[in-house]
């Protein structure tokens, strides 16, 4: 849920006066996708209205979903203010779908909107934020380092590890640095 909550706060920072958000979610049966959506719904402002699309955690599936959505007349009438994807690669896939638009004015309008992702790996999501392809991402620290530390403590010191240990996701850039471009 926390990842979705952070994305809801990112949306609030980037569209402070409300508006419409195109949300690209993971597969409907996936618990991470469900949790991210629930968390985002919990913290997004009440005056932000999401349009939900489904993809399969890949750039290609997101590009295809957005491409299909753009063929609908409702997409032309939608005054979208931000694109929020539940995965960095899906955010890039959405960008690629908008880059394919033949109308230059329409293409520029879509590409000028803030794009949000999630996972925030240094060579992808964080690099895309630095280059301006994404307005923000959510860095989800890997669990391996923490697991090794807990194992070493248990092995060397005989300390019982906690039943559950979670890593803490963070906004990149930090929420207080996010502003509408």
Protein backbone atom coordinates (compact mmCIF):
# COMPACT_ATOMS: atom_id res chain seq x y z
CA UNK A 1 0.00 0.00 0.00
CA UNK A 2 2.80 2.43 0.85
CA UNK A 3 4.08 2.56 -2.73
CA UNK A 4 0.61 3.60 -3.91
CA UNK A 5 0.30 6.11 -1.08
CA UNK A 6 3.55 7.74 -2.15
CA UNK A 7 2.35 7.90 -5.75
CA UNK A 8 -0.90 9.52 -4.55
CA UNK A 9 1.19 12.16 -2.75
CA UNK A 10 3.30 12.68 -5.89
CA UNK A 11 0.09 13.24 -7.86
CA UNK A 12 -1.09 15.75 -5.24
CA UNK A 13 2.21 17.65 -5.52
CA UNK A 14 2.13 17.75 -9.32
CA UNK A 15 -1.57 18.53 -9.84
CA UNK A 16 -2.34 20.59 -6.71
CA UNK A 17 -5.55 22.03 -8.17
CA UNK A 18 -6.91 18.63 -9.17
CA UNK A 19 -7.59 17.22 -12.59
CA UNK A 20 -7.49 13.97 -14.50
CA UNK A 21 -4.80 11.31 -14.29
CA UNK A 22 -4.19 8.46 -16.71
CA UNK A 23 -3.17 5.54 -14.47
CA UNK A 24 -1.45 2.52 -15.98
CA UNK A 25 -1.83 -0.41 -13.60
CA UNK A 26 -0.32 -3.85 -13.48
CA UNK A 27 -2.47 -6.97 -14.09
CA UNK A 28 -5.82 -7.00 -12.28
CA UNK A 29 -5.16 -10.28 -10.48
CA UNK A 30 -1.76 -9.11 -9.19
CA UNK A 31 -1.67 -8.22 -5.46
CA UNK A 32 1.05 -5.56 -5.94
CA UNK A 33 -1.08 -3.82 -8.58
CA UNK A 34 -4.14 -3.96 -6.31
CA UNK A 35 -2.19 -2.60 -3.33
CA UNK A 36 -0.62 0.22 -5.36
CA UNK A 37 -4.04 1.25 -6.68
CA UNK A 38 -5.62 1.14 -3.21
CA UNK A 39 -2.78 3.20 -1.73
CA UNK A 40 -2.95 5.79 -4.52
CA UNK A 41 -6.73 6.11 -4.14
CA UNK A 42 -6.21 6.63 -0.39
CA UNK A 43 -3.85 9.62 -0.69
CA UNK A 44 -4.70 11.29 -4.01
CA UNK A 45 -6.75 14.47 -3.64
CA UNK A 46 -10.53 14.04 -3.98
CA UNK A 47 -10.50 16.40 -6.97
CA UNK A 48 -8.13 14.13 -8.94
CA UNK A 49 -10.02 11.75 -11.21
CA UNK A 50 -8.17 8.66 -12.49
CA UNK A 51 -8.74 6.88 -15.79
CA UNK A 52 -7.44 3.34 -15.32
CA UNK A 53 -5.68 1.20 -17.94
CA UNK A 54 -4.17 -2.26 -17.45
CA UNK A 55 -0.79 -3.50 -18.64
CA UNK A 56 1.52 -6.42 -17.83
CA UNK A 57 4.47 -4.72 -16.04
CA UNK A 58 6.28 -4.18 -19.36
CA UNK A 59 7.06 -1.23 -21.60
CA UNK A 60 5.53 -3.01 -24.60
CA UNK A 61 2.25 -3.89 -22.88
CA UNK A 62 1.85 -0.33 -21.62
CA UNK A 63 2.61 1.12 -25.04
CA UNK A 64 -0.02 -1.19 -26.54
CA UNK A 65 -2.62 -0.31 -23.86
CA UNK A 66 -2.12 3.44 -24.32
CA UNK A 67 -2.07 3.09 -28.12
CA UNK A 68 -5.44 1.27 -27.94
CA UNK A 69 -6.86 3.85 -25.52
CA UNK A 70 -5.81 6.68 -27.86
CA UNK A 71 -8.00 5.17 -30.60
CA UNK A 72 -11.11 5.70 -28.45
CA UNK A 73 -13.06 8.93 -28.90
CA UNK A 74 -13.21 9.32 -25.13
CA UNK A 75 -9.41 9.69 -25.03
CA UNK A 76 -9.58 12.72 -27.31
CA UNK A 77 -12.08 14.38 -24.97
CA UNK A 78 -10.12 13.53 -21.81
CA UNK A 79 -8.23 16.50 -20.38
CA UNK A 80 -5.48 14.43 -18.76
CA UNK A 81 -3.04 16.35 -16.53
CA UNK A 82 -0.60 13.59 -15.57
CA UNK A 83 0.32 10.00 -16.44
CA UNK A 84 0.99 7.69 -13.47
CA UNK A 85 2.27 4.17 -14.09
CA UNK A 86 2.78 1.48 -11.46
CA UNK A 87 6.16 0.63 -12.98
CA UNK A 88 8.92 2.75 -14.58
CA UNK A 89 9.00 0.68 -17.77
CA UNK A 90 5.23 1.07 -18.16
CA UNK A 91 5.64 4.87 -17.86
CA UNK A 92 8.21 4.76 -20.67
CA UNK A 93 5.88 2.56 -22.73
CA UNK A 94 3.14 5.17 -22.33
CA UNK A 95 5.56 7.91 -23.46
CA UNK A 96 6.41 5.84 -26.55
CA UNK A 97 2.71 5.52 -27.43
CA UNK A 98 2.35 9.31 -27.27
CA UNK A 99 5.55 9.77 -29.32
CA UNK A 100 3.85 7.80 -32.14
CA UNK A 101 1.04 10.35 -32.52
CA UNK A 102 1.06 11.84 -36.02
CA UNK A 103 -0.33 15.22 -34.94
CA UNK A 104 2.68 17.21 -33.69
CA UNK A 105 0.61 19.55 -31.45
CA UNK A 106 -1.19 16.63 -29.82
CA UNK A 107 2.09 14.73 -29.38
CA UNK A 108 3.79 17.74 -27.74
CA UNK A 109 0.84 18.28 -25.40
CA UNK A 110 0.94 14.67 -24.16
CA UNK A 111 4.72 14.57 -23.84
CA UNK A 112 4.75 17.85 -21.86
CA UNK A 113 2.70 16.23 -19.07
CA UNK A 114 4.42 14.80 -15.98
CA UNK A 115 4.98 11.04 -16.10
CA UNK A 116 5.32 9.02 -12.88
CA UNK A 117 6.79 5.55 -12.49
CA UNK A 118 7.73 3.16 -9.75
CA UNK A 119 10.66 0.89 -8.82
CA UNK A 120 13.27 3.64 -9.14
CA UNK A 121 16.26 1.51 -10.04
CA UNK A 122 19.39 3.67 -10.46
CA UNK A 123 20.02 2.83 -14.14
CA UNK A 124 16.40 3.08 -15.25
CA UNK A 125 13.81 4.95 -13.17
CA UNK A 126 16.23 7.28 -11.38
CA UNK A 127 18.14 7.91 -14.63
CA UNK A 128 14.85 8.69 -16.40
CA UNK A 129 13.97 11.20 -13.67
CA UNK A 130 17.38 12.89 -14.06
CA UNK A 131 16.97 13.06 -17.84
CA UNK A 132 13.41 14.46 -17.57
CA UNK A 133 11.59 11.49 -19.14
CA UNK A 134 9.87 10.92 -15.78
CA UNK A 135 8.84 13.64 -13.33
CA UNK A 136 9.24 11.20 -10.43
CA UNK A 137 9.54 7.56 -9.47
CA UNK A 138 9.37 5.59 -6.26
CA UNK A 139 12.55 3.82 -5.20
CA UNK A 140 11.82 0.44 -3.70
CA UNK A 141 15.03 -0.72 -1.99
CA UNK A 142 16.02 -4.33 -2.65
CA UNK A 143 15.39 -6.78 0.19
CA UNK A 144 18.62 -8.78 -0.21
CA UNK A 145 20.88 -6.48 1.85
CA UNK A 146 18.48 -6.39 4.76
CA UNK A 147 18.00 -10.17 4.59
CA UNK A 148 21.76 -10.76 4.72
CA UNK A 149 22.15 -8.40 7.70
CA UNK A 150 19.39 -10.22 9.58
CA UNK A 151 20.95 -13.59 8.75
CA UNK A 152 24.40 -12.48 9.97
CA UNK A 153 22.92 -11.13 13.23
CA UNK A 154 21.07 -14.40 13.79
CA UNK A 155 24.08 -16.55 12.91
CA UNK A 156 26.85 -14.61 14.70
CA UNK A 157 24.95 -13.24 17.68
CA UNK A 158 22.20 -15.81 18.04
CA UNK A 159 19.66 -12.98 17.72
CA UNK A 160 16.21 -14.10 16.62
CA UNK A 161 15.29 -12.18 13.42
CA UNK A 162 11.94 -10.40 13.34
CA UNK A 163 9.06 -12.31 11.85
CA UNK A 164 8.69 -9.60 9.22
CA UNK A 165 11.17 -6.97 8.01
CA UNK A 166 10.17 -4.49 5.33
CA UNK A 167 12.16 -2.06 3.23
CA UNK A 168 10.83 1.49 3.01
CA UNK A 169 10.00 2.98 -0.42
CA UNK A 170 10.83 6.66 -1.05
CA UNK A 171 9.91 9.28 -3.64
CA UNK A 172 12.60 10.29 -6.15
CA UNK A 173 12.87 13.24 -6.08
CA UNK A 174 11.66 13.77 -2.50
CA UNK A 175 8.02 14.91 -2.24
CA UNK A 176 8.99 18.38 -0.97
CA UNK A 177 11.00 18.94 -4.18
CA UNK A 178 8.20 17.94 -6.55
CA UNK A 179 6.47 20.78 -8.36
CA UNK A 180 4.38 21.06 -11.48
CA UNK A 181 6.74 21.83 -14.35
